[in-house]
Amino acid sequence: MKKYASAVFIAIIYLCITTSSCHATNGKIVFQQRPGKLLINIDSQTIATYVYEDSQILRPYFTGLKSLDGVQVTRNHPPLQT
């Protein structure tokens, strides 16, 4: 898990830069370990999921990355049918 810490840190910094509400929050950041993934929560709101073990995608990736305003900044995974 230590080797993924820098990627998680970069994602959190990205969220702080891209949303103005990050500066106004005094929220608590919580990391929740799940099998093959790490959930990143601020004030009990999941803002990102870092997947490091996936049987279909062999590289680590973020999914469900959202600003603190709830705006999703990554594409859906799996893709939505249109």
C-alpha atoms as a PDB file:
ATOM      1  CA  MET A   1       0.000   0.000   0.000  1.00  0.00           C
ATOM      2  CA  LYS A   2       2.929   2.364   0.612  1.00  0.00           C
ATOM      3  CA  LYS A   3       3.786   2.409  -3.080  1.00  0.00           C
ATOM      4  CA  TYR A   4       0.321   3.837  -3.830  1.00  0.00           C
ATOM      5  CA  ALA A   5       0.480   6.597  -1.239  1.00  0.00           C
ATOM      6  CA  SER A   6       2.031   9.131  -3.613  1.00  0.00           C
ATOM      7  CA  ALA A   7      -0.725   8.615  -6.197  1.00  0.00           C
ATOM      8  CA  VAL A   8      -3.390   9.111  -3.526  1.00  0.00           C
ATOM      9  CA  PHE A   9      -1.638  12.242  -2.305  1.00  0.00           C
ATOM     10  CA  ILE A  10      -1.516  13.646  -5.846  1.00  0.00           C
ATOM     11  CA  ALA A  11      -5.241  12.975  -6.286  1.00  0.00           C
ATOM     12  CA  ILE A  12      -6.099  14.800  -3.072  1.00  0.00           C
ATOM     13  CA  ILE A  13      -3.962  17.780  -4.082  1.00  0.00           C
ATOM     14  CA  TYR A  14      -5.699  17.785  -7.475  1.00  0.00           C
ATOM     15  CA  LEU A  15      -9.085  17.910  -5.778  1.00  0.00           C
ATOM     16  CA  CYS A  16      -8.007  20.792  -3.586  1.00  0.00           C
ATOM     17  CA  ILE A  17      -6.783  22.768  -6.573  1.00  0.00           C
ATOM     18  CA  THR A  18      -9.860  22.138  -8.736  1.00  0.00           C
ATOM     19  CA  THR A  19     -12.562  22.922  -6.197  1.00  0.00           C
ATOM     20  CA  SER A  20     -12.967  26.108  -4.217  1.00  0.00           C
ATOM     21  CA  SER A  21     -14.876  24.383  -1.433  1.00  0.00           C
ATOM     22  CA  CYS A  22     -11.764  22.447  -0.430  1.00  0.00           C
ATOM     23  CA  HIS A  23     -10.370  25.590   1.139  1.00  0.00           C
ATOM     24  CA  ALA A  24     -13.515  26.168   3.183  1.00  0.00           C
ATOM     25  CA  THR A  25     -13.870  22.674   4.624  1.00  0.00           C
ATOM     26  CA  ASN A  26     -12.511  21.488   7.922  1.00  0.00           C
ATOM     27  CA  GLY A  27     -13.498  17.965   6.968  1.00  0.00           C
ATOM     28  CA  LYS A  28     -11.903  14.787   8.113  1.00  0.00           C
ATOM     29  CA  ILE A  29     -10.112  12.727   5.457  1.00  0.00           C
ATOM     30  CA  VAL A  30     -10.565   8.975   5.933  1.00  0.00           C
ATOM     31  CA  PHE A  31      -9.038   6.146   3.896  1.00  0.00           C
ATOM     32  CA  GLN A  32     -10.949   2.867   3.890  1.00  0.00           C
ATOM     33  CA  GLN A  33      -9.140  -0.259   2.735  1.00  0.00           C
ATOM     34  CA  ARG A  34     -11.252  -2.690   0.699  1.00  0.00           C
ATOM     35  CA  PRO A  35     -10.112  -5.778  -1.223  1.00  0.00           C
ATOM     36  CA  GLY A  36      -8.105  -4.432  -4.176  1.00  0.00           C
ATOM     37  CA  LYS A  37      -9.050  -0.805  -3.617  1.00  0.00           C
ATOM     38  CA  LEU A  38      -8.796   2.192  -1.344  1.00  0.00           C
ATOM     39  CA  LEU A  39     -11.780   4.514  -0.725  1.00  0.00           C
ATOM     40  CA  ILE A  40     -10.993   8.158  -0.027  1.00  0.00           C
ATOM     41  CA  ASN A  41     -13.646   9.987   2.003  1.00  0.00           C
ATOM     42  CA  ILE A  42     -13.968  13.567   3.164  1.00  0.00           C
ATOM     43  CA  ASP A  43     -16.712  14.234   5.704  1.00  0.00           C
ATOM     44  CA  SER A  44     -18.104  10.716   5.061  1.00  0.00           C
ATOM     45  CA  GLN A  45     -18.480  11.519   1.317  1.00  0.00           C
ATOM     46  CA  THR A  46     -16.510   9.214  -0.996  1.00  0.00           C
ATOM     47  CA  ILE A  47     -14.558  11.485  -3.324  1.00  0.00           C
ATOM     48  CA  ALA A  48     -12.426   8.824  -5.026  1.00  0.00           C
ATOM     49  CA  THR A  49     -11.690   5.142  -5.242  1.00  0.00           C
ATOM     50  CA  TYR A  50      -8.150   4.012  -5.995  1.00  0.00           C
ATOM     51  CA  VAL A  51      -8.199   0.524  -7.538  1.00  0.00           C
ATOM     52  CA  TYR A  52      -4.875  -1.284  -7.405  1.00  0.00           C
ATOM     53  CA  GLU A  53      -6.037  -4.856  -8.090  1.00  0.00           C
ATOM     54  CA  ASP A  54      -8.408  -5.481 -10.978  1.00  0.00           C
ATOM     55  CA  SER A  55      -8.701  -8.713 -12.942  1.00  0.00           C
ATOM     56  CA  GLN A  56      -9.515  -6.858 -16.193  1.00  0.00           C
ATOM     57  CA  ILE A  57      -7.347  -3.738 -15.934  1.00  0.00           C
ATOM     58  CA  LEU A  58      -3.795  -4.576 -14.946  1.00  0.00           C
ATOM     59  CA  ARG A  59      -2.646  -1.093 -13.967  1.00  0.00           C
ATOM     60  CA  PRO A  60      -3.835   0.894 -10.934  1.00  0.00           C
ATOM     61  CA  TYR A  61      -6.412   3.625 -11.568  1.00  0.00           C
ATOM     62  CA  PHE A  62      -8.794   6.081  -9.925  1.00  0.00           C
ATOM     63  CA  THR A  63     -12.533   5.792 -10.427  1.00  0.00           C
ATOM     64  CA  GLY A  64     -15.418   7.915  -9.209  1.00  0.00           C
ATOM     65  CA  LEU A  65     -13.154  10.918  -8.645  1.00  0.00           C
ATOM     66  CA  LYS A  66     -15.363  13.832  -7.552  1.00  0.00           C
ATOM     67  CA  SER A  67     -14.904  17.368  -6.351  1.00  0.00           C
ATOM     68  CA  LEU A  68     -16.196  18.237  -2.911  1.00  0.00           C
ATOM     69  CA  ASP A  69     -19.173  19.797  -4.654  1.00  0.00           C
ATOM     70  CA  GLY A  70     -20.058  16.324  -5.975  1.00  0.00           C
ATOM     71  CA  VAL A  71     -19.053  16.958  -9.598  1.00  0.00           C
ATOM     72  CA  GLN A  72     -17.546  13.823 -11.126  1.00  0.00           C
ATOM     73  CA  VAL A  73     -14.206  14.560 -12.806  1.00  0.00           C
ATOM     74  CA  THR A  74     -13.427  11.100 -14.201  1.00  0.00           C
ATOM     75  CA  ARG A  75     -15.325   9.026 -16.704  1.00  0.00           C
ATOM     76  CA  ASN A  76     -17.579   6.206 -15.510  1.00  0.00           C
ATOM     77  CA  HIS A  77     -16.106   2.772 -15.007  1.00  0.00           C
ATOM     78  CA  PRO A  78     -17.443   0.551 -16.295  1.00  0.00           C
ATOM     79  CA  PRO A  79     -18.674   2.833 -19.099  1.00  0.00           C
ATOM     80  CA  LEU A  80     -22.380   3.634 -19.159  1.00  0.00           C
ATOM     81  CA  GLN A  81     -24.425   2.278 -22.055  1.00  0.00           C
ATOM     82  CA  THR A  82     -25.792   5.071 -24.264  1.00  0.00           C
END
